[in-house]
N, C-alpha and C. Protein backbone atom coordinates (compact mmCIF):
# COMPACT_ATOMS: atom_id res chain seq x y z
N MET A 1 -6.58 -92.24 8.85
CA MET A 1 -7.57 -91.19 8.70
C MET A 1 -7.64 -90.81 7.23
N TYR A 2 -8.86 -90.64 6.75
CA TYR A 2 -9.04 -90.18 5.38
C TYR A 2 -10.25 -89.27 5.29
N ALA A 3 -10.33 -88.54 4.18
CA ALA A 3 -11.45 -87.61 3.96
C ALA A 3 -11.90 -87.74 2.52
N ILE A 4 -13.17 -87.50 2.29
CA ILE A 4 -13.71 -87.40 0.94
C ILE A 4 -13.89 -85.92 0.66
N VAL A 5 -13.19 -85.41 -0.37
CA VAL A 5 -13.24 -83.99 -0.71
C VAL A 5 -13.81 -83.84 -2.11
N GLU A 6 -14.38 -82.65 -2.36
CA GLU A 6 -14.94 -82.35 -3.66
C GLU A 6 -14.12 -81.25 -4.31
N SER A 7 -13.79 -81.45 -5.59
CA SER A 7 -13.07 -80.45 -6.36
C SER A 7 -13.48 -80.59 -7.82
N GLY A 8 -13.91 -79.50 -8.41
CA GLY A 8 -14.30 -79.55 -9.81
C GLY A 8 -15.52 -80.41 -10.07
N GLY A 9 -16.41 -80.54 -9.09
CA GLY A 9 -17.62 -81.32 -9.27
C GLY A 9 -17.42 -82.82 -9.10
N ARG A 10 -16.20 -83.25 -8.75
CA ARG A 10 -15.92 -84.66 -8.54
C ARG A 10 -15.45 -84.89 -7.12
N GLN A 11 -15.59 -86.13 -6.65
CA GLN A 11 -15.21 -86.46 -5.28
C GLN A 11 -13.96 -87.34 -5.28
N TYR A 12 -13.06 -87.09 -4.32
CA TYR A 12 -11.79 -87.80 -4.24
C TYR A 12 -11.55 -88.24 -2.80
N ARG A 13 -10.88 -89.38 -2.66
CA ARG A 13 -10.49 -89.87 -1.33
C ARG A 13 -9.10 -89.35 -1.03
N ALA A 14 -8.97 -88.59 0.06
CA ALA A 14 -7.69 -87.96 0.42
C ALA A 14 -7.15 -88.61 1.69
N GLU A 15 -5.92 -89.15 1.59
CA GLU A 15 -5.21 -89.69 2.75
C GLU A 15 -3.87 -88.98 2.84
N GLU A 16 -3.38 -88.74 4.04
CA GLU A 16 -2.12 -88.03 4.22
C GLU A 16 -0.98 -88.76 3.51
N GLY A 17 -0.21 -88.00 2.72
CA GLY A 17 0.92 -88.56 2.00
C GLY A 17 0.60 -89.04 0.59
N ASN A 18 -0.67 -89.28 0.30
CA ASN A 18 -1.06 -89.76 -1.03
C ASN A 18 -1.22 -88.59 -2.00
N THR A 19 -1.18 -88.90 -3.30
CA THR A 19 -1.40 -87.90 -4.34
C THR A 19 -2.59 -88.31 -5.18
N PHE A 20 -3.25 -87.31 -5.76
CA PHE A 20 -4.30 -87.57 -6.74
C PHE A 20 -4.41 -86.37 -7.66
N SER A 21 -5.03 -86.58 -8.79
CA SER A 21 -5.14 -85.54 -9.81
C SER A 21 -6.56 -85.00 -9.86
N VAL A 22 -6.68 -83.67 -9.94
CA VAL A 22 -7.97 -83.01 -10.05
C VAL A 22 -7.94 -82.14 -11.31
N GLU A 23 -9.10 -81.65 -11.73
CA GLU A 23 -9.11 -80.73 -12.85
C GLU A 23 -8.30 -79.50 -12.48
N LYS A 24 -7.76 -78.83 -13.48
CA LYS A 24 -6.77 -77.78 -13.27
C LYS A 24 -7.23 -76.73 -12.26
N LEU A 25 -6.33 -76.44 -11.31
CA LEU A 25 -6.54 -75.39 -10.32
C LEU A 25 -5.55 -74.26 -10.61
N PRO A 26 -5.90 -73.01 -10.33
CA PRO A 26 -5.04 -71.87 -10.69
C PRO A 26 -3.91 -71.62 -9.69
N TYR A 27 -3.06 -72.62 -9.47
CA TYR A 27 -1.94 -72.50 -8.54
C TYR A 27 -0.66 -72.94 -9.24
N GLU A 28 0.48 -72.46 -8.73
CA GLU A 28 1.78 -72.85 -9.27
C GLU A 28 2.30 -74.08 -8.51
N VAL A 29 3.27 -74.75 -9.09
CA VAL A 29 3.89 -75.91 -8.44
C VAL A 29 4.57 -75.45 -7.15
N GLY A 30 4.31 -76.15 -6.07
CA GLY A 30 4.87 -75.80 -4.77
C GLY A 30 3.93 -74.99 -3.89
N ASP A 31 2.85 -74.46 -4.44
CA ASP A 31 1.89 -73.68 -3.66
C ASP A 31 1.09 -74.59 -2.73
N GLN A 32 0.65 -74.01 -1.60
CA GLN A 32 -0.23 -74.70 -0.66
C GLN A 32 -1.68 -74.45 -1.06
N VAL A 33 -2.48 -75.49 -1.04
CA VAL A 33 -3.90 -75.40 -1.39
C VAL A 33 -4.70 -75.91 -0.20
N GLU A 34 -5.80 -75.22 0.09
CA GLU A 34 -6.67 -75.65 1.17
C GLU A 34 -8.02 -76.03 0.58
N LEU A 35 -8.38 -77.30 0.69
CA LEU A 35 -9.66 -77.79 0.19
C LEU A 35 -10.66 -77.77 1.34
N THR A 36 -11.72 -76.98 1.17
CA THR A 36 -12.68 -76.81 2.26
C THR A 36 -13.97 -77.61 2.06
N ASN A 37 -14.19 -78.15 0.88
CA ASN A 37 -15.39 -78.96 0.63
C ASN A 37 -15.14 -80.39 1.06
N VAL A 38 -15.13 -80.61 2.38
CA VAL A 38 -14.92 -81.94 2.94
C VAL A 38 -16.29 -82.56 3.19
N LEU A 39 -16.59 -83.65 2.49
CA LEU A 39 -17.90 -84.27 2.58
C LEU A 39 -17.97 -85.34 3.66
N LEU A 40 -16.80 -85.94 3.99
CA LEU A 40 -16.79 -87.03 4.96
C LEU A 40 -15.41 -87.09 5.60
N LEU A 41 -15.37 -87.36 6.89
CA LEU A 41 -14.13 -87.59 7.62
C LEU A 41 -14.23 -88.95 8.31
N ALA A 42 -13.20 -89.77 8.17
CA ALA A 42 -13.20 -91.08 8.81
C ALA A 42 -11.87 -91.28 9.53
N ASP A 43 -11.95 -91.65 10.80
CA ASP A 43 -10.76 -91.94 11.60
C ASP A 43 -11.04 -93.23 12.36
N GLY A 44 -10.66 -94.35 11.77
CA GLY A 44 -10.97 -95.65 12.38
C GLY A 44 -12.47 -95.90 12.29
N ASP A 45 -13.09 -96.10 13.45
CA ASP A 45 -14.53 -96.34 13.48
C ASP A 45 -15.34 -95.05 13.56
N ALA A 46 -14.67 -93.93 13.87
CA ALA A 46 -15.37 -92.65 13.99
C ALA A 46 -15.53 -92.03 12.59
N VAL A 47 -16.76 -91.87 12.18
CA VAL A 47 -17.06 -91.31 10.85
C VAL A 47 -17.95 -90.10 11.02
N GLN A 48 -17.54 -88.97 10.40
CA GLN A 48 -18.38 -87.77 10.39
C GLN A 48 -18.83 -87.54 8.95
N VAL A 49 -20.14 -87.50 8.76
CA VAL A 49 -20.69 -87.26 7.44
C VAL A 49 -21.25 -85.85 7.41
N GLY A 50 -20.86 -85.06 6.44
CA GLY A 50 -21.32 -83.67 6.35
C GLY A 50 -22.69 -83.56 5.76
N GLN A 51 -23.35 -82.46 6.07
CA GLN A 51 -24.68 -82.21 5.53
C GLN A 51 -24.77 -80.78 5.05
N PRO A 52 -24.22 -80.36 3.93
CA PRO A 52 -23.52 -81.18 2.93
C PRO A 52 -22.02 -81.32 3.19
N THR A 53 -21.42 -80.41 4.02
CA THR A 53 -19.99 -80.54 4.31
C THR A 53 -19.78 -80.64 5.81
N VAL A 54 -18.61 -81.16 6.20
CA VAL A 54 -18.25 -81.25 7.62
C VAL A 54 -17.79 -79.87 8.07
N ALA A 55 -18.43 -79.33 9.10
CA ALA A 55 -18.14 -77.97 9.55
C ALA A 55 -16.73 -77.86 10.11
N GLY A 56 -15.97 -76.89 9.58
CA GLY A 56 -14.64 -76.61 10.08
C GLY A 56 -13.54 -77.54 9.60
N ALA A 57 -13.86 -78.56 8.84
CA ALA A 57 -12.85 -79.51 8.37
C ALA A 57 -12.21 -79.00 7.08
N THR A 58 -10.90 -79.13 6.99
CA THR A 58 -10.17 -78.75 5.78
C THR A 58 -9.11 -79.80 5.48
N VAL A 59 -8.68 -79.82 4.23
CA VAL A 59 -7.59 -80.68 3.79
C VAL A 59 -6.53 -79.78 3.19
N LYS A 60 -5.31 -79.85 3.73
CA LYS A 60 -4.21 -79.03 3.22
C LYS A 60 -3.36 -79.88 2.29
N ALA A 61 -3.09 -79.33 1.10
CA ALA A 61 -2.35 -80.06 0.08
C ALA A 61 -1.32 -79.16 -0.58
N THR A 62 -0.36 -79.77 -1.26
CA THR A 62 0.67 -79.06 -2.01
C THR A 62 0.55 -79.45 -3.48
N VAL A 63 0.67 -78.44 -4.36
CA VAL A 63 0.63 -78.71 -5.79
C VAL A 63 1.97 -79.33 -6.19
N VAL A 64 1.92 -80.55 -6.73
CA VAL A 64 3.12 -81.27 -7.12
C VAL A 64 3.41 -81.07 -8.60
N GLN A 65 2.36 -81.01 -9.42
CA GLN A 65 2.55 -80.98 -10.87
C GLN A 65 1.33 -80.38 -11.55
N GLN A 66 1.58 -79.63 -12.62
CA GLN A 66 0.53 -79.19 -13.54
C GLN A 66 0.82 -79.90 -14.85
N TYR A 67 -0.14 -80.66 -15.38
CA TYR A 67 0.14 -81.42 -16.59
C TYR A 67 -1.12 -81.56 -17.43
N ARG A 68 -0.91 -82.08 -18.64
CA ARG A 68 -2.03 -82.32 -19.56
C ARG A 68 -2.20 -83.81 -19.73
N GLY A 69 -3.45 -84.23 -19.79
CA GLY A 69 -3.75 -85.65 -19.93
C GLY A 69 -3.53 -86.16 -21.34
N LYS A 70 -3.82 -87.41 -21.52
CA LYS A 70 -3.67 -88.07 -22.80
C LYS A 70 -4.66 -87.50 -23.81
N LYS A 71 -4.26 -87.44 -25.07
CA LYS A 71 -5.14 -86.90 -26.10
C LYS A 71 -6.25 -87.88 -26.43
N ILE A 72 -7.47 -87.34 -26.51
CA ILE A 72 -8.59 -88.15 -26.99
C ILE A 72 -9.07 -87.54 -28.30
N LEU A 73 -9.62 -88.38 -29.15
CA LEU A 73 -10.15 -87.92 -30.43
C LEU A 73 -11.66 -87.94 -30.39
N VAL A 74 -12.26 -86.86 -30.85
CA VAL A 74 -13.71 -86.72 -30.88
C VAL A 74 -14.13 -86.74 -32.35
N TRP A 75 -14.99 -87.69 -32.70
CA TRP A 75 -15.46 -87.81 -34.09
C TRP A 75 -16.91 -87.41 -34.17
N LYS A 76 -17.24 -86.65 -35.21
CA LYS A 76 -18.63 -86.37 -35.55
C LYS A 76 -18.88 -86.98 -36.92
N TYR A 77 -19.99 -87.67 -37.08
CA TYR A 77 -20.27 -88.36 -38.33
C TYR A 77 -21.77 -88.39 -38.55
N ARG A 78 -22.18 -88.07 -39.77
CA ARG A 78 -23.60 -88.18 -40.13
C ARG A 78 -23.71 -89.09 -41.34
N ALA A 79 -24.47 -90.12 -41.18
CA ALA A 79 -24.60 -91.12 -42.24
C ALA A 79 -25.26 -90.50 -43.48
N LYS A 80 -24.77 -90.88 -44.64
CA LYS A 80 -25.33 -90.53 -45.96
C LYS A 80 -25.21 -89.05 -46.30
N LEU A 81 -24.47 -88.26 -45.51
CA LEU A 81 -24.36 -86.82 -45.79
C LEU A 81 -22.93 -86.39 -46.10
N ARG A 82 -21.99 -87.31 -46.13
CA ARG A 82 -20.57 -86.99 -46.35
C ARG A 82 -20.07 -85.96 -45.33
N TYR A 83 -20.54 -86.07 -44.12
CA TYR A 83 -20.16 -85.15 -43.05
C TYR A 83 -19.29 -85.90 -42.05
N ARG A 84 -18.03 -85.53 -41.95
CA ARG A 84 -17.11 -86.13 -40.99
C ARG A 84 -16.24 -85.03 -40.40
N ARG A 85 -16.10 -85.00 -39.08
CA ARG A 85 -15.25 -84.03 -38.41
C ARG A 85 -14.43 -84.76 -37.34
N ARG A 86 -13.17 -84.41 -37.24
CA ARG A 86 -12.32 -84.99 -36.21
C ARG A 86 -11.70 -83.85 -35.40
N GLN A 87 -11.74 -83.99 -34.10
CA GLN A 87 -11.20 -82.96 -33.22
C GLN A 87 -10.47 -83.65 -32.07
N GLY A 88 -9.31 -83.12 -31.70
CA GLY A 88 -8.57 -83.66 -30.58
C GLY A 88 -8.79 -82.81 -29.33
N HIS A 89 -8.59 -83.43 -28.16
CA HIS A 89 -8.76 -82.71 -26.89
C HIS A 89 -7.79 -83.27 -25.86
N ARG A 90 -7.12 -82.38 -25.12
CA ARG A 90 -6.28 -82.77 -23.99
C ARG A 90 -6.71 -81.98 -22.78
N GLN A 91 -7.08 -82.68 -21.72
CA GLN A 91 -7.56 -82.05 -20.49
C GLN A 91 -6.37 -81.62 -19.63
N ASP A 92 -6.47 -80.47 -18.97
CA ASP A 92 -5.45 -79.99 -18.04
C ASP A 92 -5.76 -80.51 -16.63
N TYR A 93 -4.73 -80.98 -15.94
CA TYR A 93 -4.88 -81.54 -14.60
C TYR A 93 -3.88 -80.91 -13.64
N THR A 94 -4.19 -80.98 -12.35
CA THR A 94 -3.30 -80.58 -11.27
C THR A 94 -3.14 -81.77 -10.34
N ARG A 95 -1.89 -82.15 -10.05
CA ARG A 95 -1.64 -83.25 -9.12
C ARG A 95 -1.37 -82.67 -7.73
N LEU A 96 -2.11 -83.15 -6.74
CA LEU A 96 -2.01 -82.66 -5.36
C LEU A 96 -1.45 -83.75 -4.46
N ARG A 97 -0.58 -83.36 -3.51
CA ARG A 97 -0.10 -84.25 -2.46
C ARG A 97 -0.73 -83.80 -1.16
N ILE A 98 -1.38 -84.69 -0.45
CA ILE A 98 -2.08 -84.35 0.79
C ILE A 98 -1.07 -84.26 1.93
N ASP A 99 -1.03 -83.09 2.60
CA ASP A 99 -0.11 -82.87 3.71
C ASP A 99 -0.77 -83.11 5.04
N GLU A 100 -2.01 -82.64 5.18
CA GLU A 100 -2.65 -82.69 6.50
C GLU A 100 -4.16 -82.68 6.34
N ILE A 101 -4.83 -83.43 7.20
CA ILE A 101 -6.28 -83.41 7.27
C ILE A 101 -6.66 -82.85 8.63
N VAL A 102 -7.36 -81.70 8.62
CA VAL A 102 -7.72 -81.01 9.86
C VAL A 102 -9.20 -81.22 10.12
N ALA A 103 -9.51 -81.86 11.24
CA ALA A 103 -10.91 -82.07 11.62
C ALA A 103 -11.45 -80.81 12.27
N GLY A 104 -12.75 -80.54 12.07
CA GLY A 104 -13.35 -79.32 12.57
C GLY A 104 -13.67 -79.33 14.01
């Protein structure tokens, strides 16, 4: 059984026991999180597609880690104007472990 959930404007495939990283959520490590934006539920051949979400379906997860991603460099450059700017950025992420998928 798996579910497609939405978090932070992105969609993720959630299966029980698996982990995945989402944009930072305001929870501490060890907290329980309930994801209610379930777009699709699949259990073998039985597939429920939400319009836009599956009614009553939730995904329960545990926060495993809060971390920062790899640094990326952002360059701004304008030709012939001696204009150069360099800026670094590190995105904050939350790693979730899926505990249970509850069908509605």
